[in-house]
Amino acid sequence: MTKYSNLLYTGRFQPPHLGHCSVVDKGLELAEKVIIGIGSSQIDGIQSPFTIRNPLPAELRAKLWHDIYGDSVVTVLIPDRTHENDNNGEWGRWLLDYAKQGYGADIQGLIYSDDEGRSDWFYPEDQANLEFVVLQRNAVVDISATQLREAVAIGDFTTYAAYTHVNTHHRFEEIQHYLWQHEYYQQLRQ
């Protein structure tokens, strides 16, 4: 029996790795549905250029999540309100509004790992209406998406495969394609 009707898990997921999956797996044990809020979704490589930290389009990141979980999760694209690090009470309301629009119901709670803070994103009156579920992510896997991107950029499929869900392995070259569009990742591969 689940404790929550839904839990929201947010991040940039550039790309999702097994640490992220451990949070979603626990979320699916606790909730009927996990809503994955894919941040920095406005960065499309056309009107908003890709960056070192945000080289993958949101649509690809959504596909990766659906490759892993299918219909067990709902992905919602969430653009930055002003910039990537603008995480305050206004951001929290922005986030909840986008998630509610994408999911179609009020968000019951947030799930996140112990290596990232989330409750300070919300005004006290908004916190009162949310459950905050904190999990240990790095107990499962000790890698960052930055390290993973660098491995993909140099063609290290072994590292990618070790730290990502098997259902995403077929997208290795697609991820690599987007990385190589950025000068930083081009230099790494040389």
C-alpha atoms as a PDB file:
ATOM      1  CA  MET A   1       0.000   0.000   0.000  1.00  0.00           C
ATOM      2  CA  THR A   2       1.346   3.419  -0.924  1.00  0.00           C
ATOM      3  CA  LYS A   3       1.578   6.309   1.472  1.00  0.00           C
ATOM      4  CA  TYR A   4       1.286   9.137  -1.089  1.00  0.00           C
ATOM      5  CA  SER A   5      -0.757   9.668  -4.223  1.00  0.00           C
ATOM      6  CA  ASN A   6       2.222  11.356  -5.895  1.00  0.00           C
ATOM      7  CA  LEU A   7       5.736  12.597  -5.239  1.00  0.00           C
ATOM      8  CA  LEU A   8       7.684  15.092  -7.325  1.00  0.00           C
ATOM      9  CA  TYR A   9      11.369  14.516  -8.028  1.00  0.00           C
ATOM     10  CA  THR A  10      13.164  17.424  -9.690  1.00  0.00           C
ATOM     11  CA  GLY A  11      16.555  17.857 -11.270  1.00  0.00           C
ATOM     12  CA  ARG A  12      18.339  18.568 -14.493  1.00  0.00           C
ATOM     13  CA  PHE A  13      19.181  14.868 -15.044  1.00  0.00           C
ATOM     14  CA  GLN A  14      22.004  15.512 -17.522  1.00  0.00           C
ATOM     15  CA  PRO A  15      21.710  12.450 -17.934  1.00  0.00           C
ATOM     16  CA  PRO A  16      19.801  10.347 -15.387  1.00  0.00           C
ATOM     17  CA  HIS A  17      22.030   7.804 -13.628  1.00  0.00           C
ATOM     18  CA  LEU A  18      21.598   4.989 -11.109  1.00  0.00           C
ATOM     19  CA  GLY A  19      21.732   7.415  -8.174  1.00  0.00           C
ATOM     20  CA  HIS A  20      18.725   9.226  -9.617  1.00  0.00           C
ATOM     21  CA  CYS A  21      17.042   5.885 -10.282  1.00  0.00           C
ATOM     22  CA  SER A  22      17.471   4.841  -6.653  1.00  0.00           C
ATOM     23  CA  VAL A  23      15.449   7.905  -5.616  1.00  0.00           C
ATOM     24  CA  VAL A  24      12.714   7.171  -8.177  1.00  0.00           C
ATOM     25  CA  ASP A  25      12.621   3.486  -7.176  1.00  0.00           C
ATOM     26  CA  LYS A  26      12.031   4.431  -3.538  1.00  0.00           C
ATOM     27  CA  GLY A  27       9.479   7.026  -4.665  1.00  0.00           C
ATOM     28  CA  LEU A  28       7.557   4.339  -6.531  1.00  0.00           C
ATOM     29  CA  GLU A  29       7.465   2.246  -3.350  1.00  0.00           C
ATOM     30  CA  LEU A  30       5.959   5.189  -1.462  1.00  0.00           C
ATOM     31  CA  ALA A  31       3.657   6.746  -4.044  1.00  0.00           C
ATOM     32  CA  GLU A  32       1.178   5.738  -6.704  1.00  0.00           C
ATOM     33  CA  LYS A  33       2.981   7.992  -9.195  1.00  0.00           C
ATOM     34  CA  VAL A  34       6.354   9.735  -9.334  1.00  0.00           C
ATOM     35  CA  ILE A  35       6.401  12.958 -11.303  1.00  0.00           C
ATOM     36  CA  ILE A  36       9.844  13.741 -12.673  1.00  0.00           C
ATOM     37  CA  GLY A  37      10.335  17.479 -13.065  1.00  0.00           C
ATOM     38  CA  ILE A  38      13.006  17.990 -15.717  1.00  0.00           C
ATOM     39  CA  GLY A  39      14.639  21.328 -14.957  1.00  0.00           C
ATOM     40  CA  SER A  40      16.312  23.823 -17.274  1.00  0.00           C
ATOM     41  CA  SER A  41      13.974  22.608 -20.010  1.00  0.00           C
ATOM     42  CA  GLN A  42      14.115  25.899 -21.908  1.00  0.00           C
ATOM     43  CA  ILE A  43      17.675  25.148 -23.044  1.00  0.00           C
ATOM     44  CA  ASP A  44      17.094  23.811 -26.538  1.00  0.00           C
ATOM     45  CA  GLY A  45      20.322  24.525 -28.398  1.00  0.00           C
ATOM     46  CA  ILE A  46      18.512  26.907 -30.747  1.00  0.00           C
ATOM     47  CA  GLN A  47      16.958  29.850 -28.926  1.00  0.00           C
ATOM     48  CA  SER A  48      18.826  29.077 -25.710  1.00  0.00           C
ATOM     49  CA  PRO A  49      22.299  27.593 -26.237  1.00  0.00           C
ATOM     50  CA  PHE A  50      23.410  24.391 -24.609  1.00  0.00           C
ATOM     51  CA  THR A  51      25.949  24.813 -21.811  1.00  0.00           C
ATOM     52  CA  ILE A  52      28.553  22.585 -20.171  1.00  0.00           C
ATOM     53  CA  ARG A  53      26.081  21.831 -17.348  1.00  0.00           C
ATOM     54  CA  ASN A  54      23.048  21.641 -19.631  1.00  0.00           C
ATOM     55  CA  PRO A  55      24.082  19.997 -22.900  1.00  0.00           C
ATOM     56  CA  LEU A  56      21.141  17.630 -23.383  1.00  0.00           C
ATOM     57  CA  PRO A  57      17.700  18.719 -24.612  1.00  0.00           C
ATOM     58  CA  ALA A  58      14.800  18.173 -22.232  1.00  0.00           C
ATOM     59  CA  GLU A  59      13.018  15.910 -24.715  1.00  0.00           C
ATOM     60  CA  LEU A  60      15.976  13.496 -24.705  1.00  0.00           C
ATOM     61  CA  ARG A  61      16.082  13.519 -20.904  1.00  0.00           C
ATOM     62  CA  ALA A  62      12.346  12.723 -20.838  1.00  0.00           C
ATOM     63  CA  LYS A  63      12.915   9.841 -23.286  1.00  0.00           C
ATOM     64  CA  LEU A  64      15.647   8.450 -21.024  1.00  0.00           C
ATOM     65  CA  TRP A  65      13.264   8.425 -18.047  1.00  0.00           C
ATOM     66  CA  HIS A  66      10.550   6.743 -20.098  1.00  0.00           C
ATOM     67  CA  ASP A  67      13.078   4.197 -21.391  1.00  0.00           C
ATOM     68  CA  ILE A  68      13.684   3.246 -17.762  1.00  0.00           C
ATOM     69  CA  TYR A  69      10.217   3.441 -16.207  1.00  0.00           C
ATOM     70  CA  GLY A  70       7.672   3.583 -19.002  1.00  0.00           C
ATOM     71  CA  ASP A  71       4.285   4.765 -17.772  1.00  0.00           C
ATOM     72  CA  SER A  72       5.242   4.341 -14.099  1.00  0.00           C
ATOM     73  CA  VAL A  73       6.456   7.940 -14.119  1.00  0.00           C
ATOM     74  CA  VAL A  74       5.200  11.199 -15.548  1.00  0.00           C
ATOM     75  CA  THR A  75       7.759  13.657 -16.871  1.00  0.00           C
ATOM     76  CA  VAL A  76       7.086  17.381 -16.713  1.00  0.00           C
ATOM     77  CA  LEU A  77       9.357  19.896 -18.431  1.00  0.00           C
ATOM     78  CA  ILE A  78      10.154  22.786 -16.098  1.00  0.00           C
ATOM     79  CA  PRO A  79      12.008  25.827 -17.456  1.00  0.00           C
ATOM     80  CA  ASP A  80      14.165  27.950 -15.193  1.00  0.00           C
ATOM     81  CA  ARG A  81      12.287  30.936 -13.822  1.00  0.00           C
ATOM     82  CA  THR A  82      15.202  33.326 -14.210  1.00  0.00           C
ATOM     83  CA  HIS A  83      18.421  31.307 -14.036  1.00  0.00           C
ATOM     84  CA  GLU A  84      19.482  27.848 -12.929  1.00  0.00           C
ATOM     85  CA  ASN A  85      20.384  28.823  -9.344  1.00  0.00           C
ATOM     86  CA  ASP A  86      17.344  30.986  -8.608  1.00  0.00           C
ATOM     87  CA  ASN A  87      15.901  28.637  -5.998  1.00  0.00           C
ATOM     88  CA  ASN A  88      13.718  30.529  -3.544  1.00  0.00           C
ATOM     89  CA  GLY A  89      10.058  30.746  -2.522  1.00  0.00           C
ATOM     90  CA  GLU A  90       9.015  32.193  -5.882  1.00  0.00           C
ATOM     91  CA  TRP A  91      10.872  29.371  -7.636  1.00  0.00           C
ATOM     92  CA  GLY A  92       9.076  26.860  -5.424  1.00  0.00           C
ATOM     93  CA  ARG A  93       5.694  28.198  -6.448  1.00  0.00           C
ATOM     94  CA  TRP A  94       6.801  28.254 -10.101  1.00  0.00           C
ATOM     95  CA  LEU A  95       7.897  24.629  -9.774  1.00  0.00           C
ATOM     96  CA  LEU A  96       4.662  23.480  -8.147  1.00  0.00           C
ATOM     97  CA  ASP A  97       2.561  25.315 -10.745  1.00  0.00           C
ATOM     98  CA  TYR A  98       4.435  23.696 -13.662  1.00  0.00           C
ATOM     99  CA  ALA A  99       4.280  20.269 -12.050  1.00  0.00           C
ATOM    100  CA  LYS A 100       0.563  20.629 -11.350  1.00  0.00           C
ATOM    101  CA  GLN A 101      -0.119  21.736 -14.930  1.00  0.00           C
ATOM    102  CA  GLY A 102       1.900  18.842 -16.344  1.00  0.00           C
ATOM    103  CA  TYR A 103       0.480  16.238 -13.989  1.00  0.00           C
ATOM    104  CA  GLY A 104      -3.044  17.568 -13.638  1.00  0.00           C
ATOM    105  CA  ALA A 105      -3.296  17.407  -9.855  1.00  0.00           C
ATOM    106  CA  ASP A 106      -1.859  19.030  -6.752  1.00  0.00           C
ATOM    107  CA  ILE A 107       1.590  17.808  -5.774  1.00  0.00           C
ATOM    108  CA  GLN A 108       1.498  15.947  -2.474  1.00  0.00           C
ATOM    109  CA  GLY A 109       5.209  15.872  -1.750  1.00  0.00           C
ATOM    110  CA  LEU A 110       8.781  16.119  -2.926  1.00  0.00           C
ATOM    111  CA  ILE A 111      11.302  13.338  -2.935  1.00  0.00           C
ATOM    112  CA  TYR A 112      14.986  14.128  -3.114  1.00  0.00           C
ATOM    113  CA  SER A 113      18.361  12.825  -2.066  1.00  0.00           C
ATOM    114  CA  ASP A 114      20.366  13.843   0.939  1.00  0.00           C
ATOM    115  CA  ASP A 115      23.022  15.535  -1.196  1.00  0.00           C
ATOM    116  CA  GLU A 116      20.670  18.311  -2.269  1.00  0.00           C
ATOM    117  CA  GLY A 117      18.468  20.713  -0.349  1.00  0.00           C
ATOM    118  CA  ARG A 118      14.897  21.337  -1.416  1.00  0.00           C
ATOM    119  CA  SER A 119      12.786  22.571   1.491  1.00  0.00           C
ATOM    120  CA  ASP A 120      14.387  26.036   1.305  1.00  0.00           C
ATOM    121  CA  TRP A 121      12.829  26.388  -2.163  1.00  0.00           C
ATOM    122  CA  PHE A 122       9.416  26.951  -0.620  1.00  0.00           C
ATOM    123  CA  TYR A 123       7.724  29.570   1.488  1.00  0.00           C
ATOM    124  CA  PRO A 124       6.623  28.304   4.915  1.00  0.00           C
ATOM    125  CA  GLU A 125       2.952  28.343   3.860  1.00  0.00           C
ATOM    126  CA  ASP A 126       3.801  26.146   0.848  1.00  0.00           C
ATOM    127  CA  GLN A 127       5.959  23.825   2.968  1.00  0.00           C
ATOM    128  CA  ALA A 128       2.973  23.244   5.241  1.00  0.00           C
ATOM    129  CA  ASN A 129       1.101  21.620   2.328  1.00  0.00           C
ATOM    130  CA  LEU A 130       3.956  19.369   1.180  1.00  0.00           C
ATOM    131  CA  GLU A 131       5.623  16.235   2.454  1.00  0.00           C
ATOM    132  CA  PHE A 132       9.423  16.171   2.122  1.00  0.00           C
ATOM    133  CA  VAL A 133      10.893  12.704   1.664  1.00  0.00           C
ATOM    134  CA  VAL A 134      14.700  12.658   1.882  1.00  0.00           C
ATOM    135  CA  LEU A 135      16.647   9.592   0.734  1.00  0.00           C
ATOM    136  CA  GLN A 136      20.291   8.575   0.640  1.00  0.00           C
ATOM    137  CA  ARG A 137      21.394   8.617  -2.998  1.00  0.00           C
ATOM    138  CA  ASN A 138      25.151   8.208  -2.814  1.00  0.00           C
ATOM    139  CA  ALA A 139      24.821   5.080  -0.696  1.00  0.00           C
ATOM    140  CA  VAL A 140      23.808   3.382  -3.968  1.00  0.00           C
ATOM    141  CA  VAL A 141      26.147   4.946  -6.507  1.00  0.00           C
ATOM    142  CA  ASP A 142      28.887   7.514  -6.202  1.00  0.00           C
ATOM    143  CA  ILE A 143      28.974   9.355  -9.510  1.00  0.00           C
ATOM    144  CA  SER A 144      27.778  12.718 -10.696  1.00  0.00           C
ATOM    145  CA  ALA A 145      26.118  13.535 -13.995  1.00  0.00           C
ATOM    146  CA  THR A 146      29.166  15.735 -14.726  1.00  0.00           C
ATOM    147  CA  GLN A 147      31.498  12.728 -14.454  1.00  0.00           C
ATOM    148  CA  LEU A 148      29.108  10.692 -16.557  1.00  0.00           C
ATOM    149  CA  ARG A 149      28.961  13.328 -19.325  1.00  0.00           C
ATOM    150  CA  GLU A 150      32.738  13.462 -19.430  1.00  0.00           C
ATOM    151  CA  ALA A 151      32.927   9.671 -19.761  1.00  0.00           C
ATOM    152  CA  VAL A 152      30.416   9.718 -22.615  1.00  0.00           C
ATOM    153  CA  ALA A 153      32.278  12.550 -24.353  1.00  0.00           C
ATOM    154  CA  ILE A 154      35.489  10.497 -24.493  1.00  0.00           C
ATOM    155  CA  GLY A 155      33.634   7.395 -25.661  1.00  0.00           C
ATOM    156  CA  ASP A 156      33.848   5.469 -22.376  1.00  0.00           C
ATOM    157  CA  PHE A 157      30.794   3.248 -22.756  1.00  0.00           C
ATOM    158  CA  THR A 158      31.978   0.976 -19.928  1.00  0.00           C
ATOM    159  CA  THR A 159      31.632   3.766 -17.362  1.00  0.00           C
ATOM    160  CA  TYR A 160      28.337   4.895 -18.861  1.00  0.00           C
ATOM    161  CA  ALA A 161      26.974   1.344 -18.713  1.00  0.00           C
ATOM    162  CA  ALA A 162      28.163   0.853 -15.131  1.00  0.00           C
ATOM    163  CA  TYR A 163      26.337   3.924 -13.818  1.00  0.00           C
ATOM    164  CA  THR A 164      23.164   4.081 -15.907  1.00  0.00           C
ATOM    165  CA  HIS A 165      20.103   1.917 -16.330  1.00  0.00           C
ATOM    166  CA  VAL A 166      20.449  -0.763 -19.008  1.00  0.00           C
ATOM    167  CA  ASN A 167      17.347   0.549 -20.801  1.00  0.00           C
ATOM    168  CA  THR A 168      19.228   3.756 -21.656  1.00  0.00           C
ATOM    169  CA  HIS A 169      22.359   2.174 -23.102  1.00  0.00           C
ATOM    170  CA  HIS A 170      21.013   2.315 -26.652  1.00  0.00           C
ATOM    171  CA  ARG A 171      21.033   6.135 -26.387  1.00  0.00           C
ATOM    172  CA  PHE A 172      24.789   6.411 -25.714  1.00  0.00           C
ATOM    173  CA  GLU A 173      25.616   7.721 -29.191  1.00  0.00           C
ATOM    174  CA  GLU A 174      22.651  10.115 -29.146  1.00  0.00           C
ATOM    175  CA  ILE A 175      23.891  11.605 -25.867  1.00  0.00           C
ATOM    176  CA  GLN A 176      27.391  11.756 -27.284  1.00  0.00           C
ATOM    177  CA  HIS A 177      26.083  13.622 -30.353  1.00  0.00           C
ATOM    178  CA  TYR A 178      24.662  16.409 -28.172  1.00  0.00           C
ATOM    179  CA  LEU A 179      27.770  16.578 -25.996  1.00  0.00           C
ATOM    180  CA  TRP A 180      30.043  16.934 -28.985  1.00  0.00           C
ATOM    181  CA  GLN A 181      28.135  20.036 -30.092  1.00  0.00           C
ATOM    182  CA  HIS A 182      29.745  21.878 -27.174  1.00  0.00           C
ATOM    183  CA  GLU A 183      33.386  22.992 -27.399  1.00  0.00           C
ATOM    184  CA  TYR A 184      34.234  21.711 -23.917  1.00  0.00           C
ATOM    185  CA  TYR A 185      33.170  18.156 -24.749  1.00  0.00           C
ATOM    186  CA  GLN A 186      34.802  18.326 -28.188  1.00  0.00           C
ATOM    187  CA  GLN A 187      38.109  19.114 -26.476  1.00  0.00           C
ATOM    188  CA  LEU A 188      37.713  16.188 -24.073  1.00  0.00           C
ATOM    189  CA  ARG A 189      37.372  13.704 -26.922  1.00  0.00           C
ATOM    190  CA  GLN A 190      40.650  14.787 -28.560  1.00  0.00           C
END
